[in-house]
Amino acid sequence: MEFNGRKLPDNVFDLLQERGLIANVTDADYVRELLGKEKITFYIGFDPTADSLHVGHFLQMMVMRYMQMYGHRPIALIGGGTCMIGDPSGKADMRRVMSKEEIDSNGEKFKVIMRKFIDFSDGKALMLNNADWLLKLNYVEFLREIGFYFTVNKMLSAEAFKVRMEREIGLTFTEFSYMLMQGYDFYRLFNDHGCIAQFGGSDQWSNILAGTELIRKKDGKDAFGMTFNLLTTADGVKMGKTVKGAVWLNPEKTSPYEFFQYWRNINDADVANCLKMLTLVPLEEIDEFVKRGGAAYNEAKELLAYTLTELVHSKEDADLALNTSRELFGGAAHSDSMPSFALAEDAFTDGKIAILDLLVTVKLAPSKSEARRLVMQGGILVNEEKVTSIDTAFEKDRFKDSFIVKKGKKTFLKITL
C-alpha cells in the first residue's frame, strides 16, 4: 500500500496500531486477519449536538479515511435519533435538550464537512441517519424485542453510568436508555447493510459492546468493535480547546488561520503524538524531529499545522496561514491576513475602552482576572509596545488606524471598529 509515494503497511489494522490509534478491540487477532483478507462495512456514529464538527471528531474521520483507502466501506451515521436522548458517555452533567429542528440542521452541516474527508460516490461510503428508524419505534415493542437482551446490573457496570451515578445529578432514565438505542443502531446496520463493525472513541467501548452482544444474542452471529485513543495532551487533557472555546472544522466558526495556529502553538511534548495519530508523516521522520529536539519541534509543528489545515480547509488556506504566521513571527504585524475583531459601538464607555474590558471582549482572555494577570506579567503588547498598567484605556479614534494586540509570543489580533 502506498500513499503519496510513501510505503504503508499492507493491512490497515497494522497502520492503525503503529500510529497509536487503537485503544480496544473485541478480538485483535481475528480482526486483524479479517481486515487483511476481506473488505468490510463498518460505521462510526456522530451525534449532531453542535452546528459543526470539531477537533474531537477529526480523529474518527481520519480513521474512516484510512479504512476507505484500504478498500473498506464506511457508514457515517448521523445521530438524529440518539441526539434526542443524549449520550452520557464522557459527560459529568446532563446534555442540553435540543429541538428536532436544531438537531436536523446540525446534521446537515455535519454532512458538508464529512464529504471533505470521505468519498461517498458510487456506494464507496454511506451517509445514514438513525432518526429514520429510532423515531418510528413503538416503545412497548422495543422493550420486548430489544430491552429483553439487556440486564440492568450489566449496564450499571459501564464506566459512563458509574461516573454519573456517583454525582448528585444522577442519571436520567432517558440517558440510561441511550445504550439500548446505540446497540439497536448496530443491529439495524448489521442486518440492513451488512455492517459487521462499529468504531468509536475509547469512551464508547461499553456502547459498542452492547451492540455486538445484542447481535450475538438475537441473531447468533458475530460482529466486532474497535475504539481509538482520544486525542489528549501529554498530561492527559483532551485537546481541541482554546480560550475562545472548541476548535471547529467549520471555517465560519474557527478560521483557517486560527485552526493553523492552534496546531502551530501546541506544546513540544504533544507534537510527535499528533503527527502520528492525525497524519501519515513517516514514523522515522517524526522520530527524527524528537531526536533533534529544540528548533526541530517548530519545524514539526509547522508541518503538522500545514498538513491539517490543507486537509480540513484547502491548500490555499494552508499557504496563506503559513505565510501569515511566518510574517507575524518575523515581526511583520501589518499583515492583512491576520485574524481580526471588529468592536461594536457599545464596547466603548465615554468614547474609551479599558484594556481589561478590551481583552475580554475580543476573547484574548476569558475573564477580567485573567486579563489582569496577563497585563501584570507583561504579556500584552499593543502595536509592539508593552501595556504596563491595568488602568490603561484607549480612545475610540485609536482603532481607526492599525491596532494590533499581541498576547505572549504567539497570538496576534488586529482590532477594528
Protein backbone atom coordinates (compact mmCIF):
# COMPACT_ATOMS: atom_id res chain seq x y z
CA MET A 1 0.00 0.00 0.00
CA GLU A 2 1.33 3.45 -0.95
CA PHE A 3 0.21 6.99 -0.19
CA ASN A 4 1.86 9.98 -1.90
CA GLY A 5 4.85 7.78 -2.68
CA ARG A 6 5.14 6.58 0.94
CA LYS A 7 5.05 2.87 1.72
CA LEU A 8 2.31 1.95 4.19
CA PRO A 9 1.58 -1.38 5.90
CA ASP A 10 -0.37 -3.90 3.78
CA ASN A 11 -3.03 -4.27 6.49
CA VAL A 12 -4.95 -1.23 7.74
CA PHE A 13 -5.01 -2.78 11.24
CA ASP A 14 -1.21 -2.51 11.33
CA LEU A 15 -1.41 1.11 10.18
CA LEU A 16 -3.89 1.99 12.94
CA GLN A 17 -1.80 0.15 15.51
CA GLU A 18 1.57 1.65 14.59
CA ARG A 19 0.08 5.16 14.56
CA GLY A 20 -1.01 4.66 18.20
CA LEU A 21 -4.72 4.86 17.39
CA ILE A 22 -6.17 1.60 18.70
CA ALA A 23 -7.40 1.55 22.31
CA ASN A 24 -9.61 -1.56 22.47
CA VAL A 25 -10.69 -4.27 20.05
CA THR A 26 -13.01 -7.20 20.67
CA ASP A 27 -10.67 -9.84 19.20
CA ALA A 28 -7.44 -8.34 17.90
CA ASP A 29 -6.08 -11.41 16.09
CA TYR A 30 -9.41 -12.16 14.38
CA VAL A 31 -10.00 -8.52 13.42
CA ARG A 32 -6.50 -8.11 12.01
CA GLU A 33 -6.90 -11.24 9.90
CA LEU A 34 -10.35 -10.15 8.72
CA LEU A 35 -9.25 -6.65 7.71
CA GLY A 36 -6.33 -8.16 5.80
CA LYS A 37 -8.31 -10.61 3.69
CA GLU A 38 -11.79 -9.06 3.30
CA LYS A 39 -13.33 -5.68 2.55
CA ILE A 40 -15.81 -4.90 5.32
CA THR A 41 -18.53 -2.38 6.05
CA PHE A 42 -18.15 -0.54 9.37
CA TYR A 43 -19.71 2.50 10.99
CA ILE A 44 -18.96 5.41 13.28
CA GLY A 45 -21.73 7.48 14.84
CA PHE A 46 -21.78 11.27 15.21
CA ASP A 47 -24.47 12.90 17.34
CA PRO A 48 -25.12 16.43 15.97
CA THR A 49 -25.01 18.24 19.32
CA ALA A 50 -23.48 21.38 17.74
CA ASP A 51 -23.63 23.11 14.37
CA SER A 52 -20.15 21.93 13.39
CA LEU A 53 -17.81 19.01 13.87
CA HIS A 54 -14.75 19.84 15.95
CA VAL A 55 -11.21 18.57 16.55
CA GLY A 56 -12.58 15.83 18.82
CA HIS A 57 -14.36 14.31 15.78
CA PHE A 58 -11.39 14.76 13.50
CA LEU A 59 -9.53 11.64 14.56
CA GLN A 60 -12.61 9.45 13.94
CA MET A 61 -12.95 10.84 10.44
CA MET A 62 -9.28 10.15 9.77
CA VAL A 63 -9.88 6.53 10.79
CA MET A 64 -12.74 6.34 8.26
CA ARG A 65 -10.46 7.90 5.64
CA TYR A 66 -7.68 5.36 6.30
CA MET A 67 -10.12 2.44 6.22
CA GLN A 68 -11.54 3.65 2.90
CA MET A 69 -8.02 3.96 1.47
CA TYR A 70 -7.67 0.21 2.04
CA GLY A 71 -10.96 -0.56 0.31
CA HIS A 72 -13.29 -0.86 3.30
CA ARG A 73 -16.70 0.85 3.27
CA PRO A 74 -17.53 3.42 5.98
CA ILE A 75 -21.00 4.31 7.17
CA ALA A 76 -21.14 7.78 8.69
CA LEU A 77 -24.16 7.59 10.99
CA ILE A 78 -25.70 10.93 11.93
CA GLY A 79 -27.36 10.52 15.32
CA GLY A 80 -30.58 12.40 14.63
CA GLY A 81 -32.43 9.93 16.86
CA THR A 82 -29.89 9.29 19.63
CA CYS A 83 -29.27 13.04 19.90
CA MET A 84 -32.88 13.42 21.06
CA ILE A 85 -31.83 11.47 24.18
CA GLY A 86 -28.19 12.46 24.75
CA ASP A 87 -25.19 10.21 25.34
CA PRO A 88 -23.97 10.32 28.97
CA SER A 89 -20.57 8.86 27.94
CA GLY A 90 -17.74 11.22 28.80
CA LYS A 91 -20.14 13.74 30.35
CA ALA A 92 -20.26 14.64 34.03
CA ASP A 93 -23.55 16.52 33.58
CA MET A 94 -26.71 16.00 31.58
CA ARG A 95 -26.61 17.22 27.98
CA ARG A 96 -28.85 20.09 26.90
CA VAL A 97 -32.21 19.01 25.48
CA MET A 98 -32.32 20.03 21.82
CA SER A 99 -35.24 20.53 19.45
CA LYS A 100 -35.65 18.24 16.45
CA GLU A 101 -35.25 21.24 14.12
CA GLU A 102 -31.89 22.15 15.65
CA ILE A 103 -30.70 18.53 15.50
CA ASP A 104 -31.72 18.21 11.84
CA SER A 105 -29.99 21.49 10.95
CA ASN A 106 -26.79 20.45 12.71
CA GLY A 107 -26.86 17.08 10.97
CA GLU A 108 -26.97 18.71 7.55
CA LYS A 109 -23.92 20.81 8.46
CA PHE A 110 -22.06 17.67 9.61
CA LYS A 111 -22.66 16.12 6.19
CA VAL A 112 -20.99 19.05 4.38
CA ILE A 113 -17.80 18.67 6.44
CA MET A 114 -17.71 14.87 6.22
CA ARG A 115 -17.71 14.97 2.43
CA LYS A 116 -14.32 16.69 2.57
CA PHE A 117 -12.78 13.57 4.12
CA ILE A 118 -14.82 10.63 2.82
CA ASP A 119 -15.68 9.64 -0.76
CA PHE A 120 -19.42 8.92 -0.83
CA SER A 121 -19.61 8.40 -4.61
CA ASP A 122 -20.71 5.11 -6.19
CA GLY A 123 -21.55 3.45 -2.88
CA LYS A 124 -17.98 3.71 -1.55
CA ALA A 125 -19.44 5.05 1.70
CA LEU A 126 -22.90 5.61 3.12
CA MET A 127 -24.35 8.58 5.00
CA LEU A 128 -27.29 7.49 7.16
CA ASN A 129 -29.38 8.99 9.98
CA ASN A 130 -30.65 6.83 12.84
CA ALA A 131 -33.69 9.10 13.16
CA ASP A 132 -35.04 7.15 10.19
CA TRP A 133 -35.64 4.11 12.38
CA LEU A 134 -35.38 5.25 16.01
CA LEU A 135 -38.11 7.87 15.78
CA LYS A 136 -40.54 5.30 14.37
CA LEU A 137 -40.11 2.77 17.17
CA ASN A 138 -43.06 1.54 19.22
CA TYR A 139 -41.96 1.77 22.86
CA VAL A 140 -43.56 -1.46 24.08
CA GLU A 141 -42.38 -3.44 21.07
CA PHE A 142 -38.86 -2.02 21.50
CA LEU A 143 -38.75 -3.13 25.14
CA ARG A 144 -39.96 -6.62 24.21
CA GLU A 145 -37.68 -7.04 21.19
CA ILE A 146 -34.53 -5.23 22.34
CA GLY A 147 -34.72 -4.36 26.05
CA PHE A 148 -35.17 -8.06 26.82
CA TYR A 149 -31.49 -8.67 25.95
CA PHE A 150 -30.06 -6.08 28.35
CA THR A 151 -29.61 -6.55 32.10
CA VAL A 152 -29.62 -3.54 34.40
CA ASN A 153 -26.76 -4.84 36.55
CA LYS A 154 -24.55 -5.27 33.44
CA MET A 155 -25.45 -1.81 32.18
CA LEU A 156 -24.66 -0.18 35.52
CA SER A 157 -21.14 -1.59 35.35
CA ALA A 158 -20.42 0.71 32.38
CA GLU A 159 -17.95 3.43 33.31
CA ALA A 160 -20.11 6.23 31.88
CA PHE A 161 -23.03 5.23 34.10
CA LYS A 162 -20.88 4.72 37.21
CA VAL A 163 -19.44 8.23 36.96
CA ARG A 164 -22.89 9.81 36.70
CA MET A 165 -24.37 7.67 39.48
CA GLU A 166 -21.69 8.96 41.84
CA ARG A 167 -22.66 12.59 41.18
CA GLU A 168 -25.54 14.44 42.78
CA ILE A 169 -27.23 14.98 39.41
CA GLY A 170 -27.52 11.21 38.94
CA LEU A 171 -28.59 9.57 35.70
CA THR A 172 -31.91 10.13 33.95
CA PHE A 173 -33.87 7.21 32.55
CA THR A 174 -33.62 8.71 29.06
CA GLU A 175 -29.80 8.72 29.25
CA PHE A 176 -29.87 5.19 30.68
CA SER A 177 -31.76 4.15 27.53
CA TYR A 178 -29.04 5.51 25.24
CA MET A 179 -27.05 2.27 25.34
CA LEU A 180 -30.07 0.30 24.10
CA MET A 181 -30.56 2.72 21.23
CA GLN A 182 -26.92 2.59 20.14
CA GLY A 183 -26.96 -1.19 20.41
CA TYR A 184 -30.07 -1.23 18.22
CA ASP A 185 -28.33 1.03 15.68
CA PHE A 186 -25.60 -1.57 15.27
CA TYR A 187 -28.22 -4.34 14.98
CA ARG A 188 -30.08 -2.47 12.24
CA LEU A 189 -26.93 -1.63 10.28
CA PHE A 190 -25.73 -5.23 10.63
CA ASN A 191 -28.97 -6.59 9.16
CA ASP A 192 -29.78 -3.83 6.65
CA HIS A 193 -26.31 -3.03 5.27
CA GLY A 194 -24.03 -5.93 6.19
CA CYS A 195 -22.17 -3.71 8.66
CA ILE A 196 -20.10 -6.02 10.86
CA ALA A 197 -18.07 -3.50 12.85
CA GLN A 198 -18.58 -0.38 14.92
CA PHE A 199 -15.73 2.01 15.66
CA GLY A 200 -15.57 4.98 18.02
CA GLY A 201 -13.68 6.87 20.68
CA SER A 202 -12.45 4.98 23.74
CA ASP A 203 -15.33 6.42 25.78
CA GLN A 204 -17.75 4.45 23.54
CA TRP A 205 -16.46 0.98 24.46
CA SER A 206 -19.46 -0.02 26.61
CA ASN A 207 -21.95 1.20 24.00
CA ILE A 208 -20.14 -0.67 21.23
CA LEU A 209 -20.07 -3.91 23.23
CA ALA A 210 -23.81 -3.51 23.80
CA GLY A 211 -24.28 -3.73 20.03
CA THR A 212 -22.01 -6.73 19.49
CA GLU A 213 -23.75 -8.63 22.31
CA LEU A 214 -27.22 -7.75 21.01
CA ILE A 215 -26.33 -9.12 17.57
CA ARG A 216 -24.88 -12.29 19.09
CA LYS A 217 -27.82 -12.90 21.45
CA LYS A 218 -30.58 -12.02 19.00
CA ASP A 219 -29.17 -13.37 15.71
CA GLY A 220 -26.47 -15.76 16.88
CA LYS A 221 -23.91 -14.02 14.67
CA ASP A 222 -20.59 -12.30 15.26
CA ALA A 223 -19.84 -8.60 14.92
CA PHE A 224 -16.88 -6.73 16.34
CA GLY A 225 -15.94 -3.37 17.75
CA MET A 226 -12.84 -1.22 17.94
CA THR A 227 -12.18 2.00 19.83
CA PHE A 228 -9.49 4.59 19.36
CA ASN A 229 -7.48 6.64 21.80
CA LEU A 230 -8.81 10.13 22.39
CA LEU A 231 -6.58 12.99 21.30
CA THR A 232 -5.03 14.24 24.54
CA THR A 233 -2.04 16.24 25.68
CA ALA A 234 0.93 14.61 27.38
CA ASP A 235 -0.82 15.50 30.67
CA GLY A 236 -3.93 13.55 29.69
CA VAL A 237 -6.13 16.58 28.93
CA LYS A 238 -8.42 16.43 25.88
CA MET A 239 -7.11 18.54 23.01
CA GLY A 240 -9.22 20.90 20.92
CA LYS A 241 -10.00 23.73 23.34
CA THR A 242 -8.83 27.35 23.34
CA VAL A 243 -9.76 30.46 25.30
CA LYS A 244 -12.46 31.04 22.66
CA GLY A 245 -13.84 27.53 23.07
CA ALA A 246 -13.72 24.46 20.82
CA VAL A 247 -11.57 24.30 17.70
CA TRP A 248 -14.19 23.79 14.98
CA LEU A 249 -13.79 22.32 11.50
CA ASN A 250 -16.21 24.90 10.05
CA PRO A 251 -14.18 27.92 8.80
CA GLU A 252 -17.01 30.26 9.84
CA LYS A 253 -16.54 29.21 13.48
CA THR A 254 -12.76 28.71 13.54
CA SER A 255 -10.94 30.48 10.71
CA PRO A 256 -8.27 28.57 8.76
CA TYR A 257 -5.63 30.82 10.31
CA GLU A 258 -6.88 30.15 13.85
CA PHE A 259 -7.03 26.44 13.04
CA PHE A 260 -3.44 26.57 11.75
CA GLN A 261 -2.27 28.49 14.81
CA TYR A 262 -3.88 26.00 17.19
CA TRP A 263 -1.64 23.22 15.88
CA ARG A 264 1.35 25.54 15.42
CA ASN A 265 1.17 26.50 19.11
CA ILE A 266 0.71 23.10 20.78
CA ASN A 267 3.28 22.04 23.37
CA ASP A 268 6.51 20.41 22.25
CA ALA A 269 5.56 17.27 24.19
CA ASP A 270 2.40 16.80 22.08
CA VAL A 271 3.59 17.36 18.52
CA ALA A 272 5.01 13.87 17.87
CA ASN A 273 1.81 12.17 19.02
CA CYS A 274 -0.35 14.46 16.89
CA LEU A 275 1.77 13.79 13.81
CA LYS A 276 1.46 10.04 14.45
CA MET A 277 -2.28 10.00 15.04
CA LEU A 278 -3.51 12.64 12.59
CA THR A 279 -1.15 12.44 9.62
CA LEU A 280 0.71 9.85 7.55
CA VAL A 281 4.09 11.54 8.00
CA PRO A 282 6.56 8.60 8.19
CA LEU A 283 7.29 7.46 11.74
CA GLU A 284 11.03 7.70 11.05
CA GLU A 285 10.65 11.37 10.16
CA ILE A 286 8.67 12.01 13.36
CA ASP A 287 11.32 10.22 15.44
CA GLU A 288 13.98 12.39 13.80
CA PHE A 289 12.16 15.58 14.92
CA VAL A 290 12.12 14.28 18.51
CA LYS A 291 15.75 13.22 18.35
CA ARG A 292 16.89 16.62 17.12
CA GLY A 293 14.73 18.48 19.64
CA GLY A 294 14.93 22.24 20.12
CA ALA A 295 14.17 24.17 16.94
CA ALA A 296 13.15 20.92 15.21
CA TYR A 297 9.93 20.99 17.22
CA ASN A 298 8.98 24.23 15.49
CA GLU A 299 9.52 22.58 12.12
CA ALA A 300 7.36 19.66 13.23
CA LYS A 301 4.56 21.95 14.44
CA GLU A 302 4.62 23.90 11.20
CA LEU A 303 4.41 20.65 9.24
CA LEU A 304 1.51 19.44 11.41
CA ALA A 305 -0.37 22.74 11.16
CA TYR A 306 0.10 22.99 7.39
CA THR A 307 -0.87 19.35 6.72
CA LEU A 308 -4.07 19.52 8.79
CA THR A 309 -5.11 22.96 7.50
CA GLU A 310 -4.70 21.77 3.91
CA LEU A 311 -6.78 18.68 4.67
CA VAL A 312 -9.58 20.40 6.60
CA HIS A 313 -9.71 23.61 4.53
CA SER A 314 -7.60 23.90 1.37
CA LYS A 315 -4.04 24.26 0.09
CA GLU A 316 -4.69 27.97 -0.49
CA ASP A 317 -5.80 28.41 3.12
CA ALA A 318 -2.79 26.45 4.36
CA ASP A 319 -0.38 28.53 2.24
CA LEU A 320 -1.93 31.79 3.44
CA ALA A 321 -1.91 30.70 7.10
CA LEU A 322 1.72 29.58 6.84
CA ASN A 323 2.86 32.81 5.21
CA THR A 324 0.89 34.93 7.67
CA SER A 325 2.32 33.01 10.61
CA ARG A 326 5.87 33.47 9.37
CA GLU A 327 5.30 37.18 8.77
CA LEU A 328 3.92 37.68 12.25
CA PHE A 329 6.65 35.73 13.99
CA GLY A 330 9.12 37.71 11.93
CA GLY A 331 7.66 40.98 13.20
CA ALA A 332 5.60 41.89 10.15
CA ALA A 333 2.48 42.51 12.16
CA HIS A 334 0.92 44.64 9.44
CA SER A 335 -0.26 41.55 7.53
CA ASP A 336 -3.79 41.94 6.20
CA SER A 337 -4.45 38.22 6.59
CA MET A 338 -4.07 38.03 10.37
CA PRO A 339 -7.23 37.33 12.42
CA SER A 340 -9.27 40.42 13.27
CA PHE A 341 -12.07 41.51 15.56
CA ALA A 342 -14.47 44.40 14.95
CA LEU A 343 -15.54 46.29 18.08
CA ALA A 344 -19.16 47.38 18.33
CA GLU A 345 -20.20 50.88 19.45
CA ASP A 346 -21.47 49.62 22.80
CA ALA A 347 -17.99 48.34 23.68
CA PHE A 348 -16.98 51.92 24.49
CA THR A 349 -17.84 53.99 27.55
CA ASP A 350 -17.47 57.74 27.10
CA GLY A 351 -15.51 57.05 23.92
CA LYS A 352 -12.98 54.79 25.66
CA ILE A 353 -12.38 51.11 26.37
CA ALA A 354 -10.23 49.82 29.22
CA ILE A 355 -7.53 47.28 28.43
CA LEU A 356 -9.11 44.61 30.67
CA ASP A 357 -12.51 45.07 29.02
CA LEU A 358 -10.87 45.01 25.61
CA LEU A 359 -9.07 41.72 26.22
CA VAL A 360 -12.25 40.02 27.41
CA THR A 361 -14.40 41.47 24.61
CA VAL A 362 -12.09 40.28 21.84
CA LYS A 363 -11.70 36.92 23.62
CA LEU A 364 -7.99 37.14 24.26
CA ALA A 365 -8.80 36.47 27.91
CA PRO A 366 -11.74 34.50 29.38
CA SER A 367 -12.18 36.87 32.33
CA LYS A 368 -11.02 40.20 33.76
CA SER A 369 -8.93 38.41 36.37
CA GLU A 370 -7.05 36.54 33.63
CA ALA A 371 -6.72 39.80 31.64
CA ARG A 372 -5.29 41.50 34.72
CA ARG A 373 -2.76 38.68 35.16
CA LEU A 374 -1.66 38.93 31.52
CA VAL A 375 -1.07 42.69 31.78
CA MET A 376 0.73 42.49 35.13
CA GLN A 377 3.04 39.79 33.79
CA GLY A 378 3.91 41.88 30.73
CA GLY A 379 2.18 39.54 28.33
CA ILE A 380 0.20 42.15 26.36
CA LEU A 381 1.60 44.42 23.65
CA VAL A 382 -0.29 46.98 21.57
CA ASN A 383 1.45 47.90 18.32
CA GLU A 384 4.61 46.29 19.74
CA GLU A 385 4.51 48.45 22.91
CA LYS A 386 4.06 46.64 26.22
CA VAL A 387 0.97 47.55 28.25
CA THR A 388 2.27 48.16 31.77
CA SER A 389 -0.83 49.28 33.68
CA ILE A 390 -4.18 47.55 34.26
CA ASP A 391 -5.75 51.04 34.18
CA THR A 392 -4.74 51.64 30.57
CA ALA A 393 -7.62 52.72 28.32
CA PHE A 394 -7.82 53.55 24.62
CA GLU A 395 -9.78 56.25 22.81
CA LYS A 396 -12.10 55.06 20.05
CA ASP A 397 -10.12 57.02 17.46
CA ARG A 398 -7.11 54.77 18.10
CA PHE A 399 -8.88 51.94 16.32
CA LYS A 400 -9.28 53.81 13.05
CA ASP A 401 -5.65 53.07 12.22
CA SER A 402 -3.61 49.92 12.74
CA PHE A 403 -4.30 48.49 16.21
CA ILE A 404 -2.56 45.14 16.78
CA VAL A 405 -2.75 43.36 20.11
CA LYS A 406 -0.16 40.68 20.80
CA LYS A 407 -0.67 38.19 23.63
CA GLY A 408 2.51 36.38 24.59
CA LYS A 409 4.76 35.34 21.73
CA LYS A 410 2.27 33.57 19.51
CA THR A 411 -1.13 35.27 19.44
CA PHE A 412 -1.85 38.33 17.30
CA LEU A 413 -5.17 40.08 16.73
CA LYS A 414 -5.99 43.10 14.60
CA ILE A 415 -8.80 45.13 16.17
CA THR A 416 -11.02 47.44 14.14
CA LEU A 417 -14.28 49.33 14.60
